[in-house]
Amino acid sequence: LMKSGKKSVAEGILYGSFDVIQEKLNDDPLKVFKKAIENVKPHVEVKSRRVGGANYQVPVEVHPSRRQSLSSRWIIEFARKRTEKSMR
């Protein structure tokens, strides 16, 4: 979430998004945030395995710590790619 060490900016964005969630959904923002992270977590990913002369994409279960880091990374990446600059 933090970019170039700007912790106060990152906190402002996070707390601002919590305010928007509170206004729009009338629900606990932390609960909504945790649910969003849970929904994004991948359970399976594919890894390339060489068998004979061919490469196969083999599905592999994702380790829980990698699952958490991937979901956080994806949410941040797609939040930055949004065309709207406002949080509302």
N, C-alpha and C. Protein backbone atom coordinates (compact mmCIF):
# COMPACT_ATOMS: atom_id res chain seq x y z
N LEU A 1 0.83 -1.19 0.00
CA LEU A 1 0.00 0.00 0.00
C LEU A 1 0.87 1.24 0.00
N MET A 2 1.97 1.20 0.75
CA MET A 2 2.84 2.37 0.85
C MET A 2 3.72 2.46 -0.39
N LYS A 3 3.86 3.67 -0.92
CA LYS A 3 4.68 3.88 -2.10
C LYS A 3 5.74 4.91 -1.78
N SER A 4 6.99 4.59 -2.03
CA SER A 4 8.14 5.47 -1.79
C SER A 4 8.23 5.92 -0.33
N GLY A 5 7.81 5.07 0.60
CA GLY A 5 7.94 5.37 2.01
C GLY A 5 6.97 6.40 2.55
N LYS A 6 5.92 6.72 1.80
CA LYS A 6 4.97 7.74 2.24
C LYS A 6 3.85 7.10 3.07
N LYS A 7 4.16 6.87 4.32
CA LYS A 7 3.24 6.18 5.21
C LYS A 7 1.99 7.00 5.49
N SER A 8 2.14 8.29 5.71
CA SER A 8 0.98 9.12 6.04
C SER A 8 0.00 9.20 4.87
N VAL A 9 0.52 9.22 3.63
CA VAL A 9 -0.36 9.23 2.46
C VAL A 9 -1.11 7.90 2.37
N ALA A 10 -0.40 6.80 2.59
CA ALA A 10 -1.02 5.47 2.54
C ALA A 10 -2.10 5.34 3.61
N GLU A 11 -1.82 5.83 4.82
CA GLU A 11 -2.82 5.79 5.89
C GLU A 11 -4.04 6.62 5.53
N GLY A 12 -3.81 7.79 4.96
CA GLY A 12 -4.92 8.66 4.56
C GLY A 12 -5.81 8.00 3.53
N ILE A 13 -5.21 7.33 2.56
CA ILE A 13 -5.99 6.63 1.53
C ILE A 13 -6.79 5.49 2.16
N LEU A 14 -6.15 4.71 3.03
CA LEU A 14 -6.83 3.58 3.66
C LEU A 14 -7.99 4.04 4.53
N TYR A 15 -7.74 5.03 5.39
CA TYR A 15 -8.81 5.51 6.26
C TYR A 15 -9.91 6.19 5.45
N GLY A 16 -9.54 6.87 4.38
CA GLY A 16 -10.54 7.48 3.50
C GLY A 16 -11.42 6.44 2.85
N SER A 17 -10.81 5.33 2.43
CA SER A 17 -11.60 4.26 1.82
C SER A 17 -12.51 3.61 2.86
N PHE A 18 -12.04 3.51 4.11
CA PHE A 18 -12.89 2.98 5.17
C PHE A 18 -14.10 3.89 5.40
N ASP A 19 -13.89 5.20 5.32
CA ASP A 19 -15.01 6.15 5.47
C ASP A 19 -16.03 5.96 4.35
N VAL A 20 -15.54 5.78 3.12
CA VAL A 20 -16.44 5.58 1.98
C VAL A 20 -17.24 4.29 2.15
N ILE A 21 -16.58 3.22 2.60
CA ILE A 21 -17.26 1.95 2.83
C ILE A 21 -18.34 2.12 3.90
N GLN A 22 -18.01 2.84 4.97
CA GLN A 22 -18.97 3.08 6.05
C GLN A 22 -20.19 3.84 5.54
N GLU A 23 -19.97 4.87 4.71
CA GLU A 23 -21.07 5.67 4.17
C GLU A 23 -21.95 4.87 3.22
N LYS A 24 -21.32 4.16 2.28
CA LYS A 24 -22.07 3.50 1.22
C LYS A 24 -22.74 2.20 1.66
N LEU A 25 -22.07 1.44 2.52
CA LEU A 25 -22.58 0.12 2.87
C LEU A 25 -23.19 0.05 4.27
N ASN A 26 -22.94 1.04 5.09
CA ASN A 26 -23.39 1.01 6.49
C ASN A 26 -22.98 -0.30 7.16
N ASP A 27 -21.75 -0.68 6.95
CA ASP A 27 -21.22 -1.92 7.50
C ASP A 27 -19.83 -1.64 8.06
N ASP A 28 -19.32 -2.56 8.86
CA ASP A 28 -17.99 -2.40 9.44
C ASP A 28 -16.95 -2.46 8.32
N PRO A 29 -16.19 -1.37 8.10
CA PRO A 29 -15.23 -1.33 7.00
C PRO A 29 -14.14 -2.41 7.09
N LEU A 30 -13.71 -2.71 8.30
CA LEU A 30 -12.67 -3.72 8.47
C LEU A 30 -13.17 -5.10 8.04
N LYS A 31 -14.43 -5.38 8.37
CA LYS A 31 -15.03 -6.66 7.98
C LYS A 31 -15.14 -6.75 6.45
N VAL A 32 -15.55 -5.65 5.81
CA VAL A 32 -15.66 -5.62 4.35
C VAL A 32 -14.29 -5.79 3.71
N PHE A 33 -13.28 -5.13 4.28
CA PHE A 33 -11.92 -5.22 3.75
C PHE A 33 -11.39 -6.65 3.86
N LYS A 34 -11.62 -7.30 5.00
CA LYS A 34 -11.18 -8.69 5.18
C LYS A 34 -11.90 -9.62 4.21
N LYS A 35 -13.19 -9.36 3.99
CA LYS A 35 -13.97 -10.18 3.05
C LYS A 35 -13.44 -10.01 1.63
N ALA A 36 -13.06 -8.78 1.26
CA ALA A 36 -12.50 -8.52 -0.07
C ALA A 36 -11.19 -9.28 -0.25
N ILE A 37 -10.35 -9.26 0.78
CA ILE A 37 -9.08 -9.99 0.71
C ILE A 37 -9.35 -11.49 0.56
N GLU A 38 -10.31 -12.01 1.32
CA GLU A 38 -10.66 -13.44 1.24
C GLU A 38 -11.14 -13.81 -0.15
N ASN A 39 -11.96 -12.93 -0.76
CA ASN A 39 -12.51 -13.22 -2.09
C ASN A 39 -11.44 -13.22 -3.17
N VAL A 40 -10.37 -12.46 -2.98
CA VAL A 40 -9.33 -12.33 -4.00
C VAL A 40 -8.27 -13.42 -3.88
N LYS A 41 -8.13 -14.02 -2.71
CA LYS A 41 -7.07 -15.01 -2.49
C LYS A 41 -7.18 -16.18 -3.46
N PRO A 42 -6.08 -16.48 -4.18
CA PRO A 42 -6.09 -17.65 -5.07
C PRO A 42 -5.82 -18.93 -4.27
N HIS A 43 -6.50 -19.99 -4.62
CA HIS A 43 -6.27 -21.26 -3.94
C HIS A 43 -5.34 -22.15 -4.74
N VAL A 44 -5.32 -21.94 -6.08
CA VAL A 44 -4.51 -22.77 -6.97
C VAL A 44 -3.82 -21.86 -7.98
N GLU A 45 -2.57 -22.16 -8.29
CA GLU A 45 -1.88 -21.49 -9.38
C GLU A 45 -1.19 -22.55 -10.23
N VAL A 46 -0.78 -22.18 -11.44
CA VAL A 46 -0.13 -23.16 -12.31
C VAL A 46 1.37 -22.91 -12.34
N LYS A 47 2.12 -24.00 -12.33
CA LYS A 47 3.57 -23.95 -12.44
C LYS A 47 3.97 -24.77 -13.67
N SER A 48 5.01 -24.33 -14.36
CA SER A 48 5.50 -25.07 -15.52
C SER A 48 6.35 -26.25 -15.06
N ARG A 49 6.05 -27.42 -15.59
CA ARG A 49 6.84 -28.62 -15.31
C ARG A 49 7.27 -29.22 -16.65
N ARG A 50 8.54 -29.52 -16.76
CA ARG A 50 9.05 -30.10 -18.00
C ARG A 50 8.99 -31.62 -17.88
N VAL A 51 8.23 -32.22 -18.77
CA VAL A 51 8.11 -33.68 -18.80
C VAL A 51 8.49 -34.13 -20.20
N GLY A 52 9.60 -34.84 -20.30
CA GLY A 52 10.09 -35.23 -21.62
C GLY A 52 10.55 -33.99 -22.37
N GLY A 53 9.98 -33.75 -23.54
CA GLY A 53 10.36 -32.59 -24.32
C GLY A 53 9.33 -31.48 -24.25
N ALA A 54 8.31 -31.64 -23.42
CA ALA A 54 7.22 -30.67 -23.40
C ALA A 54 7.09 -30.02 -22.03
N ASN A 55 6.64 -28.79 -22.03
CA ASN A 55 6.32 -28.09 -20.78
C ASN A 55 4.83 -28.20 -20.52
N TYR A 56 4.47 -28.57 -19.31
CA TYR A 56 3.07 -28.67 -18.93
C TYR A 56 2.78 -27.68 -17.82
N GLN A 57 1.60 -27.09 -17.86
CA GLN A 57 1.14 -26.22 -16.79
C GLN A 57 0.44 -27.10 -15.76
N VAL A 58 1.05 -27.25 -14.61
CA VAL A 58 0.52 -28.14 -13.57
C VAL A 58 -0.08 -27.29 -12.46
N PRO A 59 -1.36 -27.54 -12.10
CA PRO A 59 -1.96 -26.79 -10.99
C PRO A 59 -1.34 -27.19 -9.65
N VAL A 60 -1.02 -26.18 -8.85
CA VAL A 60 -0.38 -26.40 -7.55
C VAL A 60 -1.11 -25.55 -6.52
N GLU A 61 -1.33 -26.11 -5.33
CA GLU A 61 -1.97 -25.35 -4.26
C GLU A 61 -1.03 -24.23 -3.79
N VAL A 62 -1.62 -23.08 -3.51
CA VAL A 62 -0.84 -21.91 -3.10
C VAL A 62 -0.66 -21.93 -1.58
N HIS A 63 0.57 -21.68 -1.13
CA HIS A 63 0.86 -21.61 0.30
C HIS A 63 0.10 -20.42 0.91
N PRO A 64 -0.42 -20.54 2.13
CA PRO A 64 -1.23 -19.46 2.73
C PRO A 64 -0.53 -18.10 2.78
N SER A 65 0.77 -18.06 3.05
CA SER A 65 1.44 -16.76 3.11
C SER A 65 1.53 -16.14 1.72
N ARG A 66 1.77 -16.96 0.69
CA ARG A 66 1.80 -16.46 -0.69
C ARG A 66 0.40 -16.02 -1.11
N ARG A 67 -0.60 -16.75 -0.66
CA ARG A 67 -2.00 -16.41 -0.96
C ARG A 67 -2.32 -15.00 -0.47
N GLN A 68 -1.89 -14.71 0.76
CA GLN A 68 -2.13 -13.39 1.37
C GLN A 68 -1.39 -12.29 0.60
N SER A 69 -0.12 -12.54 0.30
CA SER A 69 0.67 -11.51 -0.38
C SER A 69 0.17 -11.27 -1.80
N LEU A 70 -0.23 -12.32 -2.50
CA LEU A 70 -0.77 -12.15 -3.86
C LEU A 70 -2.06 -11.34 -3.84
N SER A 71 -2.95 -11.64 -2.89
CA SER A 71 -4.22 -10.92 -2.85
C SER A 71 -4.00 -9.44 -2.55
N SER A 72 -3.11 -9.13 -1.61
CA SER A 72 -2.82 -7.73 -1.30
C SER A 72 -2.20 -7.03 -2.50
N ARG A 73 -1.26 -7.69 -3.16
CA ARG A 73 -0.60 -7.12 -4.32
C ARG A 73 -1.59 -6.84 -5.45
N TRP A 74 -2.52 -7.78 -5.68
CA TRP A 74 -3.50 -7.60 -6.75
C TRP A 74 -4.46 -6.46 -6.46
N ILE A 75 -4.93 -6.37 -5.22
CA ILE A 75 -5.85 -5.28 -4.86
C ILE A 75 -5.17 -3.94 -5.06
N ILE A 76 -3.92 -3.80 -4.60
CA ILE A 76 -3.18 -2.55 -4.75
C ILE A 76 -2.94 -2.24 -6.22
N GLU A 77 -2.55 -3.26 -6.99
CA GLU A 77 -2.27 -3.06 -8.42
C GLU A 77 -3.50 -2.56 -9.17
N PHE A 78 -4.65 -3.17 -8.93
CA PHE A 78 -5.84 -2.77 -9.67
C PHE A 78 -6.44 -1.48 -9.14
N ALA A 79 -6.20 -1.16 -7.87
CA ALA A 79 -6.63 0.14 -7.36
C ALA A 79 -5.83 1.25 -8.03
N ARG A 80 -4.55 1.01 -8.28
CA ARG A 80 -3.72 2.01 -8.95
C ARG A 80 -4.07 2.14 -10.43
N LYS A 81 -4.55 1.06 -11.04
CA LYS A 81 -4.89 1.09 -12.46
C LYS A 81 -6.24 1.74 -12.75
N ARG A 82 -7.02 2.01 -11.72
CA ARG A 82 -8.33 2.63 -11.94
C ARG A 82 -8.16 3.97 -12.65
N THR A 83 -9.12 4.28 -13.54
CA THR A 83 -9.04 5.53 -14.28
C THR A 83 -9.47 6.71 -13.42
N GLU A 84 -10.38 6.48 -12.48
CA GLU A 84 -10.83 7.56 -11.61
C GLU A 84 -9.72 7.88 -10.62
N LYS A 85 -9.48 9.13 -10.39
CA LYS A 85 -8.45 9.50 -9.43
C LYS A 85 -9.05 9.73 -8.05
N SER A 86 -10.35 9.96 -8.01
CA SER A 86 -11.02 10.17 -6.74
C SER A 86 -11.33 8.83 -6.10
N MET A 87 -11.45 8.82 -4.78
CA MET A 87 -11.80 7.58 -4.10
C MET A 87 -13.31 7.40 -4.04
N ARG A 88 -14.08 8.35 -4.45
CA ARG A 88 -15.54 8.22 -4.37
C ARG A 88 -16.13 7.70 -5.62
